[in-house]
Amino acid sequence: AVVRNEAAKSPAPQQLNFKLASGVYRCELGQKVEIQRDGRNANLIKLNWQGNRHTLQRYDSTSGLPRYEDRQNGLLWIDLPWKSVLMDVNSGKPLANECKAMTT
């Protein structure tokens, strides 16, 4: 008898796409993060934080929520329409929390 033992492959979760703003995001504790979205490549953003500019790439997330990372510098930007957060991947701690886009 031949036994087939194939791992059930669940389809990758659908990645959500929100229309999100470029510009300055005001965060808790008076911090701010500037986000510039790439009009040609929705999988890249430029992030300016504490005087340093980083390019972050979107990676799939298990929840499907927008998750942008600069893996070389350990930065993670989780992007939601109602708030965003900048995390230090190495420590797992937020660097800038409750960030909201400034409206004009």
N, C-alpha and C. Protein backbone atom coordinates (compact mmCIF):
# COMPACT_ATOMS: atom_id res chain seq x y z
N ALA A 1 0.84 -1.18 0.00
CA ALA A 1 0.00 0.00 0.00
C ALA A 1 0.89 1.24 0.00
N VAL A 2 0.48 2.21 -0.80
CA VAL A 2 1.21 3.47 -0.88
C VAL A 2 0.50 4.48 0.01
N VAL A 3 1.26 5.08 0.89
CA VAL A 3 0.68 6.09 1.79
C VAL A 3 1.12 7.46 1.30
N ARG A 4 0.16 8.31 1.06
CA ARG A 4 0.46 9.68 0.64
C ARG A 4 0.32 10.59 1.84
N ASN A 5 1.38 11.22 2.17
CA ASN A 5 1.36 12.14 3.30
C ASN A 5 1.76 13.52 2.79
N GLU A 6 0.81 14.25 2.29
CA GLU A 6 1.06 15.59 1.79
C GLU A 6 0.52 16.59 2.79
N ALA A 7 1.33 17.54 3.10
CA ALA A 7 0.87 18.61 4.00
C ALA A 7 -0.21 19.41 3.29
N ALA A 8 -1.29 19.62 4.00
CA ALA A 8 -2.37 20.42 3.42
C ALA A 8 -1.87 21.85 3.28
N LYS A 9 -1.86 22.32 2.07
CA LYS A 9 -1.41 23.68 1.83
C LYS A 9 -2.62 24.59 1.82
N SER A 10 -2.65 25.48 2.80
CA SER A 10 -3.73 26.45 2.81
C SER A 10 -3.30 27.61 1.92
N PRO A 11 -4.25 28.17 1.20
CA PRO A 11 -3.88 29.29 0.33
C PRO A 11 -3.38 30.47 1.17
N ALA A 12 -2.48 31.23 0.61
CA ALA A 12 -1.97 32.41 1.31
C ALA A 12 -3.13 33.37 1.56
N PRO A 13 -3.15 34.00 2.74
CA PRO A 13 -4.23 34.94 3.01
C PRO A 13 -4.20 36.10 2.03
N GLN A 14 -5.37 36.57 1.68
CA GLN A 14 -5.47 37.71 0.77
C GLN A 14 -4.89 38.93 1.45
N GLN A 15 -4.04 39.64 0.73
CA GLN A 15 -3.42 40.85 1.27
C GLN A 15 -4.33 42.03 1.00
N LEU A 16 -4.61 42.80 2.04
CA LEU A 16 -5.53 43.93 1.94
C LEU A 16 -4.81 45.14 1.37
N ASN A 17 -5.53 45.90 0.59
CA ASN A 17 -4.99 47.13 0.02
C ASN A 17 -5.90 48.29 0.40
N PHE A 18 -5.34 49.24 1.12
CA PHE A 18 -6.07 50.43 1.52
C PHE A 18 -5.49 51.62 0.77
N LYS A 19 -6.32 52.62 0.54
CA LYS A 19 -5.83 53.89 0.00
C LYS A 19 -5.32 54.67 1.20
N LEU A 20 -3.99 54.76 1.32
CA LEU A 20 -3.39 55.38 2.49
C LEU A 20 -2.60 56.62 2.09
N ALA A 21 -2.51 57.54 3.02
CA ALA A 21 -1.94 58.86 2.74
C ALA A 21 -0.42 58.87 2.80
N SER A 22 0.16 59.74 1.98
CA SER A 22 1.56 60.13 2.14
C SER A 22 1.55 61.37 3.02
N GLY A 23 2.68 61.63 3.64
CA GLY A 23 2.79 62.84 4.43
C GLY A 23 3.21 62.55 5.85
N VAL A 24 2.95 63.52 6.72
CA VAL A 24 3.36 63.43 8.11
C VAL A 24 2.30 62.71 8.92
N TYR A 25 2.74 61.75 9.72
CA TYR A 25 1.89 61.04 10.66
C TYR A 25 2.29 61.49 12.06
N ARG A 26 1.33 61.99 12.83
CA ARG A 26 1.57 62.39 14.22
C ARG A 26 1.28 61.18 15.11
N CYS A 27 2.18 60.94 16.06
CA CYS A 27 2.11 59.76 16.90
C CYS A 27 2.07 60.16 18.37
N GLU A 28 1.85 59.17 19.23
CA GLU A 28 1.88 59.40 20.67
C GLU A 28 3.22 59.98 21.08
N LEU A 29 3.24 60.64 22.22
CA LEU A 29 4.43 61.20 22.82
C LEU A 29 5.12 62.23 21.94
N GLY A 30 4.33 62.89 21.07
CA GLY A 30 4.85 63.97 20.24
C GLY A 30 5.75 63.54 19.10
N GLN A 31 5.81 62.25 18.84
CA GLN A 31 6.66 61.77 17.75
C GLN A 31 5.95 61.94 16.41
N LYS A 32 6.76 61.96 15.35
CA LYS A 32 6.18 62.02 14.02
C LYS A 32 6.99 61.14 13.08
N VAL A 33 6.29 60.62 12.07
CA VAL A 33 6.87 59.79 11.03
C VAL A 33 6.38 60.35 9.71
N GLU A 34 7.30 60.50 8.76
CA GLU A 34 6.89 60.96 7.43
C GLU A 34 6.94 59.79 6.47
N ILE A 35 5.84 59.59 5.75
CA ILE A 35 5.71 58.49 4.80
C ILE A 35 5.53 59.07 3.40
N GLN A 36 6.31 58.56 2.47
CA GLN A 36 6.15 58.91 1.05
C GLN A 36 5.88 57.62 0.29
N ARG A 37 4.72 57.55 -0.31
CA ARG A 37 4.35 56.34 -1.06
C ARG A 37 4.86 56.43 -2.49
N ASP A 38 5.28 55.31 -3.02
CA ASP A 38 5.82 55.23 -4.38
C ASP A 38 4.65 55.03 -5.34
N GLY A 39 4.42 56.00 -6.21
CA GLY A 39 3.30 55.93 -7.15
C GLY A 39 3.43 54.82 -8.17
N ARG A 40 4.65 54.39 -8.44
CA ARG A 40 4.86 53.33 -9.44
C ARG A 40 4.90 51.94 -8.83
N ASN A 41 5.22 51.85 -7.53
CA ASN A 41 5.35 50.55 -6.88
C ASN A 41 4.69 50.63 -5.51
N ALA A 42 3.48 50.09 -5.39
CA ALA A 42 2.73 50.14 -4.13
C ALA A 42 3.37 49.28 -3.05
N ASN A 43 4.38 48.49 -3.40
CA ASN A 43 5.04 47.64 -2.42
C ASN A 43 6.24 48.32 -1.75
N LEU A 44 6.47 49.59 -2.06
CA LEU A 44 7.57 50.33 -1.45
C LEU A 44 7.06 51.63 -0.84
N ILE A 45 7.62 51.98 0.31
CA ILE A 45 7.39 53.29 0.91
C ILE A 45 8.73 53.83 1.39
N LYS A 46 8.83 55.15 1.42
CA LYS A 46 9.99 55.81 2.03
C LYS A 46 9.50 56.34 3.37
N LEU A 47 10.28 56.07 4.42
CA LEU A 47 9.91 56.44 5.77
C LEU A 47 11.02 57.31 6.33
N ASN A 48 10.64 58.47 6.84
CA ASN A 48 11.59 59.38 7.47
C ASN A 48 11.24 59.43 8.95
N TRP A 49 12.19 59.02 9.79
CA TRP A 49 11.96 58.98 11.23
C TRP A 49 13.24 59.34 11.95
N GLN A 50 13.14 60.29 12.84
CA GLN A 50 14.26 60.79 13.64
C GLN A 50 15.44 61.19 12.75
N GLY A 51 15.13 61.85 11.62
CA GLY A 51 16.16 62.36 10.73
C GLY A 51 16.79 61.33 9.81
N ASN A 52 16.34 60.09 9.88
CA ASN A 52 16.87 59.04 9.02
C ASN A 52 15.82 58.60 8.02
N ARG A 53 16.25 58.40 6.79
CA ARG A 53 15.35 57.99 5.70
C ARG A 53 15.57 56.51 5.41
N HIS A 54 14.48 55.77 5.33
CA HIS A 54 14.54 54.33 5.08
C HIS A 54 13.57 53.97 3.95
N THR A 55 13.93 52.97 3.17
CA THR A 55 13.02 52.40 2.19
C THR A 55 12.51 51.08 2.75
N LEU A 56 11.19 50.95 2.83
CA LEU A 56 10.58 49.74 3.36
C LEU A 56 9.82 49.04 2.25
N GLN A 57 9.87 47.73 2.27
CA GLN A 57 9.20 46.90 1.28
C GLN A 57 8.03 46.19 1.94
N ARG A 58 6.95 46.06 1.19
CA ARG A 58 5.79 45.35 1.72
C ARG A 58 6.02 43.85 1.63
N TYR A 59 5.70 43.18 2.72
CA TYR A 59 5.75 41.73 2.80
C TYR A 59 4.37 41.23 3.17
N ASP A 60 4.03 40.04 2.72
CA ASP A 60 2.75 39.44 3.08
C ASP A 60 2.68 39.24 4.58
N SER A 61 1.48 39.41 5.13
CA SER A 61 1.27 39.17 6.56
C SER A 61 0.16 38.13 6.71
N THR A 62 0.18 37.42 7.80
CA THR A 62 -0.85 36.39 8.02
C THR A 62 -2.23 37.00 8.14
N SER A 63 -2.32 38.25 8.61
CA SER A 63 -3.61 38.91 8.75
C SER A 63 -4.05 39.57 7.44
N GLY A 64 -3.11 39.74 6.51
CA GLY A 64 -3.41 40.45 5.27
C GLY A 64 -3.23 41.95 5.36
N LEU A 65 -2.93 42.46 6.57
CA LEU A 65 -2.75 43.90 6.76
C LEU A 65 -1.43 44.37 6.16
N PRO A 66 -1.39 45.61 5.68
CA PRO A 66 -0.16 46.14 5.10
C PRO A 66 0.98 46.15 6.12
N ARG A 67 2.08 45.51 5.76
CA ARG A 67 3.25 45.35 6.62
C ARG A 67 4.49 45.67 5.78
N TYR A 68 5.15 46.76 6.12
CA TYR A 68 6.33 47.20 5.38
C TYR A 68 7.56 47.06 6.28
N GLU A 69 8.63 46.51 5.72
CA GLU A 69 9.82 46.26 6.53
C GLU A 69 11.09 46.79 5.87
N ASP A 70 11.98 47.26 6.71
CA ASP A 70 13.38 47.51 6.36
C ASP A 70 14.13 46.47 7.18
N ARG A 71 14.33 45.31 6.61
CA ARG A 71 14.91 44.19 7.35
C ARG A 71 16.36 44.45 7.76
N GLN A 72 17.07 45.24 6.96
CA GLN A 72 18.47 45.53 7.28
C GLN A 72 18.57 46.35 8.57
N ASN A 73 17.64 47.26 8.79
CA ASN A 73 17.67 48.13 9.97
C ASN A 73 16.66 47.72 11.05
N GLY A 74 15.91 46.65 10.82
CA GLY A 74 15.00 46.14 11.84
C GLY A 74 13.77 46.99 12.08
N LEU A 75 13.28 47.68 11.03
CA LEU A 75 12.10 48.52 11.18
C LEU A 75 10.89 47.87 10.53
N LEU A 76 9.74 48.04 11.16
CA LEU A 76 8.48 47.51 10.65
C LEU A 76 7.41 48.58 10.79
N TRP A 77 6.73 48.89 9.68
CA TRP A 77 5.63 49.87 9.67
C TRP A 77 4.36 49.10 9.36
N ILE A 78 3.43 49.08 10.31
CA ILE A 78 2.13 48.45 10.09
C ILE A 78 1.16 49.57 9.79
N ASP A 79 0.54 49.47 8.62
CA ASP A 79 -0.20 50.57 8.01
C ASP A 79 -1.69 50.26 7.99
N LEU A 80 -2.47 51.02 8.72
CA LEU A 80 -3.92 50.84 8.75
C LEU A 80 -4.60 52.18 8.47
N PRO A 81 -5.83 52.17 7.98
CA PRO A 81 -6.51 53.44 7.71
C PRO A 81 -6.75 54.26 8.98
N TRP A 82 -6.93 53.65 10.12
CA TRP A 82 -7.29 54.37 11.34
C TRP A 82 -6.08 54.68 12.22
N LYS A 83 -4.98 53.91 12.11
CA LYS A 83 -3.75 54.21 12.83
C LYS A 83 -2.63 53.33 12.29
N SER A 84 -1.41 53.75 12.55
CA SER A 84 -0.25 52.98 12.12
C SER A 84 0.73 52.93 13.28
N VAL A 85 1.70 52.02 13.18
CA VAL A 85 2.71 51.87 14.23
C VAL A 85 4.05 51.53 13.59
N LEU A 86 5.12 52.12 14.14
CA LEU A 86 6.48 51.80 13.74
C LEU A 86 7.09 50.95 14.85
N MET A 87 7.58 49.77 14.48
CA MET A 87 8.10 48.82 15.46
C MET A 87 9.58 48.56 15.24
N ASP A 88 10.26 48.22 16.32
CA ASP A 88 11.62 47.70 16.26
C ASP A 88 11.47 46.18 16.22
N VAL A 89 11.83 45.58 15.09
CA VAL A 89 11.64 44.14 14.90
C VAL A 89 12.46 43.35 15.90
N ASN A 90 13.66 43.82 16.22
CA ASN A 90 14.55 43.07 17.10
C ASN A 90 14.02 42.97 18.53
N SER A 91 13.47 44.06 19.04
CA SER A 91 12.95 44.04 20.41
C SER A 91 11.46 43.74 20.47
N GLY A 92 10.76 43.95 19.32
CA GLY A 92 9.31 43.76 19.30
C GLY A 92 8.56 44.92 19.92
N LYS A 93 9.25 46.01 20.21
CA LYS A 93 8.63 47.16 20.88
C LYS A 93 8.29 48.25 19.88
N PRO A 94 7.19 48.97 20.14
CA PRO A 94 6.86 50.11 19.27
C PRO A 94 7.84 51.26 19.47
N LEU A 95 8.22 51.86 18.35
CA LEU A 95 9.06 53.06 18.37
C LEU A 95 8.20 54.31 18.28
N ALA A 96 7.12 54.22 17.52
CA ALA A 96 6.15 55.30 17.36
C ALA A 96 4.78 54.63 17.25
N ASN A 97 3.89 54.96 18.18
CA ASN A 97 2.60 54.26 18.28
C ASN A 97 1.44 55.23 18.05
N GLU A 98 0.31 54.66 17.65
CA GLU A 98 -0.91 55.46 17.45
C GLU A 98 -0.67 56.60 16.46
N CYS A 99 0.00 56.29 15.35
CA CYS A 99 0.32 57.30 14.34
C CYS A 99 -0.87 57.52 13.42
N LYS A 100 -1.20 58.78 13.21
CA LYS A 100 -2.34 59.14 12.36
C LYS A 100 -1.91 60.20 11.37
N ALA A 101 -2.35 60.03 10.12
CA ALA A 101 -1.98 60.98 9.07
C ALA A 101 -2.60 62.34 9.37
N MET A 102 -1.80 63.38 9.15
CA MET A 102 -2.28 64.75 9.30
C MET A 102 -3.19 65.06 8.13
N THR A 103 -4.30 65.68 8.39
CA THR A 103 -5.20 66.08 7.31
C THR A 103 -5.06 67.57 7.10
N THR A 104 -5.19 67.95 5.84
CA THR A 104 -5.05 69.38 5.52
C THR A 104 -6.38 70.05 5.42
